[in-house]
Amino acid sequence: MVIREILGSMVCALADIGVENARFEAEQLLQKAGVSRIRLLTEPNSDVPERTAEAVREMLKRRLSGYPLQYILGEWEFFGLTFPVGEGVLIPRQDTEVLAELARGILLERSPEERSVLDLCAGTGCIGVTLAKLCGAKVTCVELSESAFSYLEHGIALNVAERLVTAVRGDVTDGAFAERLGGEYDVIVSNPPYLTETDIRNLQTEVTYEPRAALYGGKDGLDFYRKMLAAWTKRLKSGGAFAVEIGIGQEHGVMEIFAENGLNADCIKDTRGIYRVVYGIK
């Protein structure tokens, strides 16, 4: 088969199961199999070796079963940087770039020596590493999951951020751990688990492959906010900012938790007009 034929059949198969960006995903899978972007554009009628075609068929089969594209590719982009992903770690999403952009703006208004960041529930480290690379911030990333922690360390190394980013294993809901870690930070960020029991029961197939521990935030989705704010607000410098990603409709509940911990809170919307980030200044 030639590239054009394989690509066309992949696009049709993906579109048939409701994939919105079927052509993009098909091209990504072909590139993963070794067909370069240049060949896709300039040599659509060139032959594809059988071993390449077989690799494409295997990846497409997995994708059609609902397995996440990002896990098949083994990496994903966030804010222009590349992060390793796979089973055991939450996939970076565009929604979270709103949180990273807010934190970046806050940091760049400060002098370089006032750019210390604590990234709680760091996962891949996409937020913390981004702030280190774009702002020169000194970042501490905290992650509990052993599998996610390995991706975190890999992501730091891949983005050559070892000088600025430190990875720490720990439970962000544990006040005693917060005391042991110590330190004071200009900005604390987190994209914690925030799905409710109802959300978990109604997950899309591909999201079910992601770690439940990185998704489930308790019956009302707010458990992590309650425990994190109680444990970590004291680690925030005077005038520092605490910023978190939230789920749809959670802005009022999370803002109340911020107020209970002495932070004047506000919220901002994502590109779809949905409140996505709550932040407060100490």
C-alpha atoms as a PDB file:
ATOM      1  CA  MET A   1       0.000   0.000   0.000  1.00  0.00           C
ATOM      2  CA  VAL A   2       1.014   3.614  -0.513  1.00  0.00           C
ATOM      3  CA  ILE A   3       0.968   6.346   2.119  1.00  0.00           C
ATOM      4  CA  ARG A   4      -2.151   8.014   0.718  1.00  0.00           C
ATOM      5  CA  GLU A   5      -4.172   4.785   0.859  1.00  0.00           C
ATOM      6  CA  ILE A   6      -3.099   3.892   4.375  1.00  0.00           C
ATOM      7  CA  LEU A   7      -3.739   7.411   5.620  1.00  0.00           C
ATOM      8  CA  GLY A   8      -7.195   7.489   4.021  1.00  0.00           C
ATOM      9  CA  SER A   9      -8.254   4.178   5.550  1.00  0.00           C
ATOM     10  CA  MET A  10      -6.986   5.263   8.978  1.00  0.00           C
ATOM     11  CA  VAL A  11      -8.861   8.547   8.841  1.00  0.00           C
ATOM     12  CA  CYS A  12     -12.096   6.750   7.939  1.00  0.00           C
ATOM     13  CA  ALA A  13     -11.680   4.181  10.716  1.00  0.00           C
ATOM     14  CA  LEU A  14     -10.981   6.838  13.340  1.00  0.00           C
ATOM     15  CA  ALA A  15     -13.826   9.076  12.158  1.00  0.00           C
ATOM     16  CA  ASP A  16     -16.209   6.121  12.342  1.00  0.00           C
ATOM     17  CA  ILE A  17     -15.647   5.824  16.103  1.00  0.00           C
ATOM     18  CA  GLY A  18     -16.129   9.558  16.610  1.00  0.00           C
ATOM     19  CA  VAL A  19     -12.546  10.822  16.782  1.00  0.00           C
ATOM     20  CA  GLU A  20     -12.828  14.568  16.146  1.00  0.00           C
ATOM     21  CA  ASN A  21      -9.326  15.101  14.750  1.00  0.00           C
ATOM     22  CA  ALA A  22      -9.118  11.869  12.782  1.00  0.00           C
ATOM     23  CA  ARG A  23      -6.604  13.081  10.201  1.00  0.00           C
ATOM     24  CA  PHE A  24      -4.298  14.552  12.843  1.00  0.00           C
ATOM     25  CA  GLU A  25      -4.338  11.308  14.828  1.00  0.00           C
ATOM     26  CA  ALA A  26      -3.764   9.207  11.715  1.00  0.00           C
ATOM     27  CA  GLU A  27      -0.763  11.321  10.765  1.00  0.00           C
ATOM     28  CA  GLN A  28       0.617  11.068  14.300  1.00  0.00           C
ATOM     29  CA  LEU A  29       0.404   7.282  14.211  1.00  0.00           C
ATOM     30  CA  LEU A  30       2.095   7.134  10.810  1.00  0.00           C
ATOM     31  CA  GLN A  31       4.919   9.322  12.058  1.00  0.00           C
ATOM     32  CA  LYS A  32       5.279   7.124  15.122  1.00  0.00           C
ATOM     33  CA  ALA A  33       5.681   4.155  12.741  1.00  0.00           C
ATOM     34  CA  GLY A  34       8.515   5.944  10.946  1.00  0.00           C
ATOM     35  CA  VAL A  35       6.804   7.819   8.108  1.00  0.00           C
ATOM     36  CA  SER A  36       8.174  11.351   8.354  1.00  0.00           C
ATOM     37  CA  ARG A  37       6.029  14.467   8.143  1.00  0.00           C
ATOM     38  CA  ILE A  38       7.903  15.460   4.979  1.00  0.00           C
ATOM     39  CA  ARG A  39       7.052  12.149   3.297  1.00  0.00           C
ATOM     40  CA  LEU A  40       3.408  12.517   4.280  1.00  0.00           C
ATOM     41  CA  LEU A  41       3.300  15.886   2.539  1.00  0.00           C
ATOM     42  CA  THR A  42       5.558  15.372  -0.460  1.00  0.00           C
ATOM     43  CA  GLU A  43       5.409  11.636  -1.237  1.00  0.00           C
ATOM     44  CA  PRO A  44       1.797  10.545  -0.682  1.00  0.00           C
ATOM     45  CA  ASN A  45       2.044   7.923  -3.451  1.00  0.00           C
ATOM     46  CA  SER A  46       5.234   6.280  -2.184  1.00  0.00           C
ATOM     47  CA  ASP A  47       5.133   2.694  -0.966  1.00  0.00           C
ATOM     48  CA  VAL A  48       5.128   1.796   2.726  1.00  0.00           C
ATOM     49  CA  PRO A  49       7.230  -1.230   3.798  1.00  0.00           C
ATOM     50  CA  GLU A  50       5.166  -4.111   5.158  1.00  0.00           C
ATOM     51  CA  ARG A  51       6.784  -3.881   8.604  1.00  0.00           C
ATOM     52  CA  THR A  52       5.739  -0.224   8.785  1.00  0.00           C
ATOM     53  CA  ALA A  53       2.214  -1.032   7.632  1.00  0.00           C
ATOM     54  CA  GLU A  54       1.972  -3.766  10.278  1.00  0.00           C
ATOM     55  CA  ALA A  55       3.147  -1.376  12.992  1.00  0.00           C
ATOM     56  CA  VAL A  56       0.508   1.114  11.877  1.00  0.00           C
ATOM     57  CA  ARG A  57      -2.212  -1.567  11.947  1.00  0.00           C
ATOM     58  CA  GLU A  58      -1.280  -2.575  15.494  1.00  0.00           C
ATOM     59  CA  MET A  59      -1.317   1.009  16.768  1.00  0.00           C
ATOM     60  CA  LEU A  60      -4.589   1.756  14.987  1.00  0.00           C
ATOM     61  CA  LYS A  61      -6.157  -1.340  16.523  1.00  0.00           C
ATOM     62  CA  ARG A  62      -5.222  -0.113  19.989  1.00  0.00           C
ATOM     63  CA  ARG A  63      -6.530   3.379  19.276  1.00  0.00           C
ATOM     64  CA  LEU A  64      -9.830   2.035  17.937  1.00  0.00           C
ATOM     65  CA  SER A  65     -10.285   0.130  21.196  1.00  0.00           C
ATOM     66  CA  GLY A  66     -10.226   3.472  23.033  1.00  0.00           C
ATOM     67  CA  TYR A  67      -6.602   3.411  24.163  1.00  0.00           C
ATOM     68  CA  PRO A  68      -5.294   6.996  24.418  1.00  0.00           C
ATOM     69  CA  LEU A  69      -3.343   8.339  21.451  1.00  0.00           C
ATOM     70  CA  GLN A  70      -0.875   9.978  23.838  1.00  0.00           C
ATOM     71  CA  TYR A  71       0.020   6.665  25.466  1.00  0.00           C
ATOM     72  CA  ILE A  72       0.579   5.067  22.061  1.00  0.00           C
ATOM     73  CA  LEU A  73       2.886   7.904  21.029  1.00  0.00           C
ATOM     74  CA  GLY A  74       4.691   7.824  24.380  1.00  0.00           C
ATOM     75  CA  GLU A  75       4.935  11.601  24.634  1.00  0.00           C
ATOM     76  CA  TRP A  76       2.786  14.713  24.418  1.00  0.00           C
ATOM     77  CA  GLU A  77       3.305  18.424  24.029  1.00  0.00           C
ATOM     78  CA  PHE A  78       2.483  20.999  26.690  1.00  0.00           C
ATOM     79  CA  PHE A  79       3.196  24.701  26.246  1.00  0.00           C
ATOM     80  CA  GLY A  80       5.612  23.888  23.430  1.00  0.00           C
ATOM     81  CA  LEU A  81       7.604  21.388  25.499  1.00  0.00           C
ATOM     82  CA  THR A  82       7.554  17.601  25.175  1.00  0.00           C
ATOM     83  CA  PHE A  83       6.743  15.307  28.095  1.00  0.00           C
ATOM     84  CA  PRO A  84       6.934  11.500  28.298  1.00  0.00           C
ATOM     85  CA  VAL A  85       3.572   9.850  29.003  1.00  0.00           C
ATOM     86  CA  GLY A  86       2.260   6.333  29.448  1.00  0.00           C
ATOM     87  CA  GLU A  87       0.092   4.214  31.692  1.00  0.00           C
ATOM     88  CA  GLY A  88       0.415   5.415  35.257  1.00  0.00           C
ATOM     89  CA  VAL A  89       0.529   9.157  34.653  1.00  0.00           C
ATOM     90  CA  LEU A  90      -2.094  11.765  33.786  1.00  0.00           C
ATOM     91  CA  ILE A  91      -1.910  13.063  30.218  1.00  0.00           C
ATOM     92  CA  PRO A  92      -1.126  16.819  29.959  1.00  0.00           C
ATOM     93  CA  ARG A  93      -4.098  18.719  28.571  1.00  0.00           C
ATOM     94  CA  GLN A  94      -4.572  22.094  26.943  1.00  0.00           C
ATOM     95  CA  ASP A  95      -6.955  23.119  29.744  1.00  0.00           C
ATOM     96  CA  THR A  96      -4.017  23.083  32.155  1.00  0.00           C
ATOM     97  CA  GLU A  97      -2.120  25.611  30.040  1.00  0.00           C
ATOM     98  CA  VAL A  98      -4.468  28.248  31.518  1.00  0.00           C
ATOM     99  CA  LEU A  99      -2.978  27.508  34.948  1.00  0.00           C
ATOM    100  CA  ALA A 100       0.579  27.549  33.605  1.00  0.00           C
ATOM    101  CA  GLU A 101      -0.023  30.856  31.806  1.00  0.00           C
ATOM    102  CA  LEU A 102      -1.441  32.478  34.938  1.00  0.00           C
ATOM    103  CA  ALA A 103       1.519  31.325  37.035  1.00  0.00           C
ATOM    104  CA  ARG A 104       3.967  32.459  34.364  1.00  0.00           C
ATOM    105  CA  GLY A 105       2.454  35.946  34.340  1.00  0.00           C
ATOM    106  CA  ILE A 106       2.686  36.193  38.124  1.00  0.00           C
ATOM    107  CA  LEU A 107       6.309  35.026  38.157  1.00  0.00           C
ATOM    108  CA  LEU A 108       7.475  37.350  35.392  1.00  0.00           C
ATOM    109  CA  GLU A 109       6.207  40.332  37.385  1.00  0.00           C
ATOM    110  CA  ARG A 110       8.673  39.390  40.120  1.00  0.00           C
ATOM    111  CA  SER A 111      12.426  39.694  40.288  1.00  0.00           C
ATOM    112  CA  PRO A 112      14.338  36.515  39.315  1.00  0.00           C
ATOM    113  CA  GLU A 113      15.174  35.737  42.955  1.00  0.00           C
ATOM    114  CA  GLU A 114      11.427  35.756  43.781  1.00  0.00           C
ATOM    115  CA  ARG A 115      10.527  32.983  41.382  1.00  0.00           C
ATOM    116  CA  SER A 116      10.268  29.919  43.587  1.00  0.00           C
ATOM    117  CA  VAL A 117       7.501  27.455  42.736  1.00  0.00           C
ATOM    118  CA  LEU A 118       5.942  24.435  44.413  1.00  0.00           C
ATOM    119  CA  ASP A 119       4.075  22.113  42.009  1.00  0.00           C
ATOM    120  CA  LEU A 120       1.768  19.754  43.941  1.00  0.00           C
ATOM    121  CA  CYS A 121       0.403  16.570  42.324  1.00  0.00           C
ATOM    122  CA  ALA A 122       3.023  17.194  39.659  1.00  0.00           C
ATOM    123  CA  GLY A 123       2.414  14.106  37.491  1.00  0.00           C
ATOM    124  CA  THR A 124       4.526  14.537  34.360  1.00  0.00           C
ATOM    125  CA  GLY A 125       5.836  17.806  35.767  1.00  0.00           C
ATOM    126  CA  CYS A 126       4.383  19.705  32.831  1.00  0.00           C
ATOM    127  CA  ILE A 127       3.426  22.757  34.905  1.00  0.00           C
ATOM    128  CA  GLY A 128       6.563  22.972  37.022  1.00  0.00           C
ATOM    129  CA  VAL A 129       9.012  22.256  34.200  1.00  0.00           C
ATOM    130  CA  THR A 130       7.260  24.789  31.966  1.00  0.00           C
ATOM    131  CA  LEU A 131       7.613  27.490  34.638  1.00  0.00           C
ATOM    132  CA  ALA A 132      11.266  26.607  35.133  1.00  0.00           C
ATOM    133  CA  LYS A 133      12.021  26.769  31.408  1.00  0.00           C
ATOM    134  CA  LEU A 134      10.001  29.907  30.637  1.00  0.00           C
ATOM    135  CA  CYS A 135      10.635  31.915  33.800  1.00  0.00           C
ATOM    136  CA  GLY A 136      13.894  30.584  35.191  1.00  0.00           C
ATOM    137  CA  ALA A 137      11.979  29.656  38.348  1.00  0.00           C
ATOM    138  CA  LYS A 138      13.367  27.298  40.982  1.00  0.00           C
ATOM    139  CA  VAL A 139      10.738  24.564  41.160  1.00  0.00           C
ATOM    140  CA  THR A 140       9.963  21.721  43.546  1.00  0.00           C
ATOM    141  CA  CYS A 141       7.644  19.092  42.046  1.00  0.00           C
ATOM    142  CA  VAL A 142       5.844  16.793  44.490  1.00  0.00           C
ATOM    143  CA  GLU A 143       4.322  13.509  43.317  1.00  0.00           C
ATOM    144  CA  LEU A 144       3.237  10.449  45.323  1.00  0.00           C
ATOM    145  CA  SER A 145       2.687   7.786  42.658  1.00  0.00           C
ATOM    146  CA  GLU A 146       5.763   5.679  41.945  1.00  0.00           C
ATOM    147  CA  SER A 147       4.853   5.204  38.292  1.00  0.00           C
ATOM    148  CA  ALA A 148       4.071   8.875  37.747  1.00  0.00           C
ATOM    149  CA  PHE A 149       7.283   9.848  39.541  1.00  0.00           C
ATOM    150  CA  SER A 150       9.360   7.992  36.963  1.00  0.00           C
ATOM    151  CA  TYR A 151       7.696  10.013  34.198  1.00  0.00           C
ATOM    152  CA  LEU A 152       8.321  13.171  36.199  1.00  0.00           C
ATOM    153  CA  GLU A 153      12.048  12.444  36.448  1.00  0.00           C
ATOM    154  CA  HIS A 154      12.197  11.551  32.753  1.00  0.00           C
ATOM    155  CA  GLY A 155      10.397  14.759  31.793  1.00  0.00           C
ATOM    156  CA  ILE A 156      12.775  16.887  33.809  1.00  0.00           C
ATOM    157  CA  ALA A 157      15.758  15.252  32.112  1.00  0.00           C
ATOM    158  CA  LEU A 158      14.216  15.385  28.624  1.00  0.00           C
ATOM    159  CA  ASN A 159      13.694  19.129  28.968  1.00  0.00           C
ATOM    160  CA  VAL A 160      17.161  19.667  30.469  1.00  0.00           C
ATOM    161  CA  ALA A 161      15.667  21.224  33.587  1.00  0.00           C
ATOM    162  CA  GLU A 162      17.665  19.409  36.269  1.00  0.00           C
ATOM    163  CA  ARG A 163      19.377  22.616  37.398  1.00  0.00           C
ATOM    164  CA  LEU A 164      16.076  24.285  38.219  1.00  0.00           C
ATOM    165  CA  VAL A 165      13.631  21.468  39.043  1.00  0.00           C
ATOM    166  CA  THR A 166      13.740  19.087  42.000  1.00  0.00           C
ATOM    167  CA  ALA A 167      11.416  16.061  42.138  1.00  0.00           C
ATOM    168  CA  VAL A 168      10.196  14.882  45.559  1.00  0.00           C
ATOM    169  CA  ARG A 169       8.074  11.831  46.429  1.00  0.00           C
ATOM    170  CA  GLY A 170       5.379  12.720  48.901  1.00  0.00           C
ATOM    171  CA  ASP A 171       1.680  12.886  49.793  1.00  0.00           C
ATOM    172  CA  VAL A 172       0.421  16.437  49.236  1.00  0.00           C
ATOM    173  CA  THR A 173      -2.588  15.820  51.501  1.00  0.00           C
ATOM    174  CA  ASP A 174      -0.331  15.030  54.483  1.00  0.00           C
ATOM    175  CA  GLY A 175       0.266  18.045  56.711  1.00  0.00           C
ATOM    176  CA  ALA A 176       3.199  16.316  58.404  1.00  0.00           C
ATOM    177  CA  PHE A 177       4.900  15.895  55.021  1.00  0.00           C
ATOM    178  CA  ALA A 178       4.371  19.592  54.303  1.00  0.00           C
ATOM    179  CA  GLU A 179       6.115  20.415  57.580  1.00  0.00           C
ATOM    180  CA  ARG A 180       9.027  18.111  56.772  1.00  0.00           C
ATOM    181  CA  LEU A 181       9.499  19.520  53.282  1.00  0.00           C
ATOM    182  CA  GLY A 182       9.487  23.057  54.643  1.00  0.00           C
ATOM    183  CA  GLY A 183      10.524  26.011  52.565  1.00  0.00           C
ATOM    184  CA  GLU A 184       8.576  29.057  51.414  1.00  0.00           C
ATOM    185  CA  TYR A 185       7.376  29.668  47.872  1.00  0.00           C
ATOM    186  CA  ASP A 186       6.360  32.619  45.766  1.00  0.00           C
ATOM    187  CA  VAL A 187       3.870  30.534  43.790  1.00  0.00           C
ATOM    188  CA  ILE A 188       2.178  27.214  44.577  1.00  0.00           C
ATOM    189  CA  VAL A 189       0.386  25.475  41.702  1.00  0.00           C
ATOM    190  CA  SER A 190      -1.561  22.259  41.439  1.00  0.00           C
ATOM    191  CA  ASN A 191      -3.733  20.297  39.057  1.00  0.00           C
ATOM    192  CA  PRO A 192      -5.115  17.867  41.637  1.00  0.00           C
ATOM    193  CA  PRO A 193      -7.625  15.035  41.221  1.00  0.00           C
ATOM    194  CA  TYR A 194     -11.043  16.710  41.095  1.00  0.00           C
ATOM    195  CA  LEU A 195     -13.527  14.329  39.477  1.00  0.00           C
ATOM    196  CA  THR A 196     -16.610  13.445  41.522  1.00  0.00           C
ATOM    197  CA  GLU A 197     -18.152   9.998  42.005  1.00  0.00           C
ATOM    198  CA  THR A 198     -20.600  10.803  39.202  1.00  0.00           C
ATOM    199  CA  ASP A 199     -17.779  11.922  36.913  1.00  0.00           C
ATOM    200  CA  ILE A 200     -15.872   8.684  37.516  1.00  0.00           C
ATOM    201  CA  ARG A 201     -18.919   6.589  36.622  1.00  0.00           C
ATOM    202  CA  ASN A 202     -19.318   8.451  33.333  1.00  0.00           C
ATOM    203  CA  LEU A 203     -15.750   8.644  32.069  1.00  0.00           C
ATOM    204  CA  GLN A 204     -15.011   8.405  28.362  1.00  0.00           C
ATOM    205  CA  THR A 205     -13.378   5.113  27.467  1.00  0.00           C
ATOM    206  CA  GLU A 206      -9.923   6.561  26.824  1.00  0.00           C
ATOM    207  CA  VAL A 207      -9.866   8.390  30.173  1.00  0.00           C
ATOM    208  CA  THR A 208     -10.442   5.088  32.008  1.00  0.00           C
ATOM    209  CA  TYR A 209      -6.889   4.103  31.049  1.00  0.00           C
ATOM    210  CA  GLU A 210      -5.484   7.000  33.062  1.00  0.00           C
ATOM    211  CA  PRO A 211      -4.704   6.423  36.761  1.00  0.00           C
ATOM    212  CA  ARG A 212      -7.804   6.749  38.937  1.00  0.00           C
ATOM    213  CA  ALA A 213      -5.701   8.227  41.729  1.00  0.00           C
ATOM    214  CA  ALA A 214      -4.905  11.181  39.454  1.00  0.00           C
ATOM    215  CA  LEU A 215      -8.580  11.753  38.652  1.00  0.00           C
ATOM    216  CA  TYR A 216     -10.808  11.045  41.665  1.00  0.00           C
ATOM    217  CA  GLY A 217     -11.188  13.891  44.129  1.00  0.00           C
ATOM    218  CA  GLY A 218     -13.733  12.380  46.502  1.00  0.00           C
ATOM    219  CA  LYS A 219     -17.536  12.358  46.490  1.00  0.00           C
ATOM    220  CA  ASP A 220     -17.806  16.052  45.606  1.00  0.00           C
ATOM    221  CA  GLY A 221     -14.406  16.296  43.908  1.00  0.00           C
ATOM    222  CA  LEU A 222     -13.042  18.782  46.453  1.00  0.00           C
ATOM    223  CA  ASP A 223     -11.109  16.553  48.898  1.00  0.00           C
ATOM    224  CA  PHE A 224      -7.671  17.523  47.603  1.00  0.00           C
ATOM    225  CA  TYR A 225      -8.393  21.248  47.708  1.00  0.00           C
ATOM    226  CA  ARG A 226      -9.457  21.022  51.355  1.00  0.00           C
ATOM    227  CA  LYS A 227      -6.381  19.085  52.405  1.00  0.00           C
ATOM    228  CA  MET A 228      -3.856  20.907  50.215  1.00  0.00           C
ATOM    229  CA  LEU A 229      -4.905  24.404  51.230  1.00  0.00           C
ATOM    230  CA  ALA A 230      -4.871  23.424  54.904  1.00  0.00           C
ATOM    231  CA  ALA A 231      -1.408  21.861  54.602  1.00  0.00           C
ATOM    232  CA  TRP A 232       0.394  24.193  52.203  1.00  0.00           C
ATOM    233  CA  THR A 233      -0.938  27.751  52.550  1.00  0.00           C
ATOM    234  CA  LYS A 234       1.541  28.277  55.394  1.00  0.00           C
ATOM    235  CA  ARG A 235       4.360  27.470  52.926  1.00  0.00           C
ATOM    236  CA  LEU A 236       3.328  30.448  50.779  1.00  0.00           C
ATOM    237  CA  LYS A 237       5.287  33.686  51.159  1.00  0.00           C
ATOM    238  CA  SER A 238       3.449  36.858  52.042  1.00  0.00           C
ATOM    239  CA  GLY A 239       2.143  38.239  48.748  1.00  0.00           C
ATOM    240  CA  GLY A 240       2.551  34.829  47.138  1.00  0.00           C
ATOM    241  CA  ALA A 241      -0.038  33.161  44.916  1.00  0.00           C
ATOM    242  CA  PHE A 242      -1.740  29.782  45.252  1.00  0.00           C
ATOM    243  CA  ALA A 243      -3.326  28.655  41.956  1.00  0.00           C
ATOM    244  CA  VAL A 244      -5.196  25.444  41.109  1.00  0.00           C
ATOM    245  CA  GLU A 245      -7.011  23.903  38.190  1.00  0.00           C
ATOM    246  CA  ILE A 246     -10.654  23.017  38.861  1.00  0.00           C
ATOM    247  CA  GLY A 247     -13.429  20.983  37.280  1.00  0.00           C
ATOM    248  CA  ILE A 248     -16.537  22.388  35.644  1.00  0.00           C
ATOM    249  CA  GLY A 249     -18.788  24.118  38.172  1.00  0.00           C
ATOM    250  CA  GLN A 250     -16.355  23.862  41.075  1.00  0.00           C
ATOM    251  CA  GLU A 251     -15.312  27.513  41.210  1.00  0.00           C
ATOM    252  CA  HIS A 252     -17.568  28.542  44.100  1.00  0.00           C
ATOM    253  CA  GLY A 253     -16.718  25.545  46.272  1.00  0.00           C
ATOM    254  CA  VAL A 254     -12.982  25.949  45.734  1.00  0.00           C
ATOM    255  CA  MET A 255     -13.092  29.702  46.299  1.00  0.00           C
ATOM    256  CA  GLU A 256     -14.791  29.075  49.636  1.00  0.00           C
ATOM    257  CA  ILE A 257     -11.958  26.717  50.609  1.00  0.00           C
ATOM    258  CA  PHE A 258      -9.440  29.413  49.668  1.00  0.00           C
ATOM    259  CA  ALA A 259     -11.303  31.941  51.841  1.00  0.00           C
ATOM    260  CA  GLU A 260     -11.363  29.507  54.767  1.00  0.00           C
ATOM    261  CA  ASN A 261      -7.567  29.402  54.526  1.00  0.00           C
ATOM    262  CA  GLY A 262      -7.141  33.161  54.488  1.00  0.00           C
ATOM    263  CA  LEU A 263      -6.713  33.686  50.741  1.00  0.00           C
ATOM    264  CA  ASN A 264      -8.668  36.238  48.724  1.00  0.00           C
ATOM    265  CA  ALA A 265      -9.646  34.162  45.713  1.00  0.00           C
ATOM    266  CA  ASP A 266     -10.637  34.823  42.141  1.00  0.00           C
ATOM    267  CA  CYS A 267     -11.191  32.583  39.120  1.00  0.00           C
ATOM    268  CA  ILE A 268     -10.448  32.718  35.398  1.00  0.00           C
ATOM    269  CA  LYS A 269     -11.923  31.004  32.355  1.00  0.00           C
ATOM    270  CA  ASP A 270     -10.351  28.784  29.725  1.00  0.00           C
ATOM    271  CA  THR A 271     -10.664  29.253  25.964  1.00  0.00           C
ATOM    272  CA  ARG A 272     -14.116  27.604  26.021  1.00  0.00           C
ATOM    273  CA  GLY A 273     -15.438  30.108  28.545  1.00  0.00           C
ATOM    274  CA  ILE A 274     -15.397  27.599  31.417  1.00  0.00           C
ATOM    275  CA  TYR A 275     -13.997  28.603  34.800  1.00  0.00           C
ATOM    276  CA  ARG A 276     -10.809  26.527  34.932  1.00  0.00           C
ATOM    277  CA  VAL A 277      -8.480  28.115  37.509  1.00  0.00           C
ATOM    278  CA  VAL A 278      -8.956  29.480  41.014  1.00  0.00           C
ATOM    279  CA  TYR A 279      -6.137  31.512  42.542  1.00  0.00           C
ATOM    280  CA  GLY A 280      -5.575  33.486  45.703  1.00  0.00           C
ATOM    281  CA  ILE A 281      -2.975  35.894  47.066  1.00  0.00           C
ATOM    282  CA  LYS A 282      -1.699  35.587  50.631  1.00  0.00           C
END
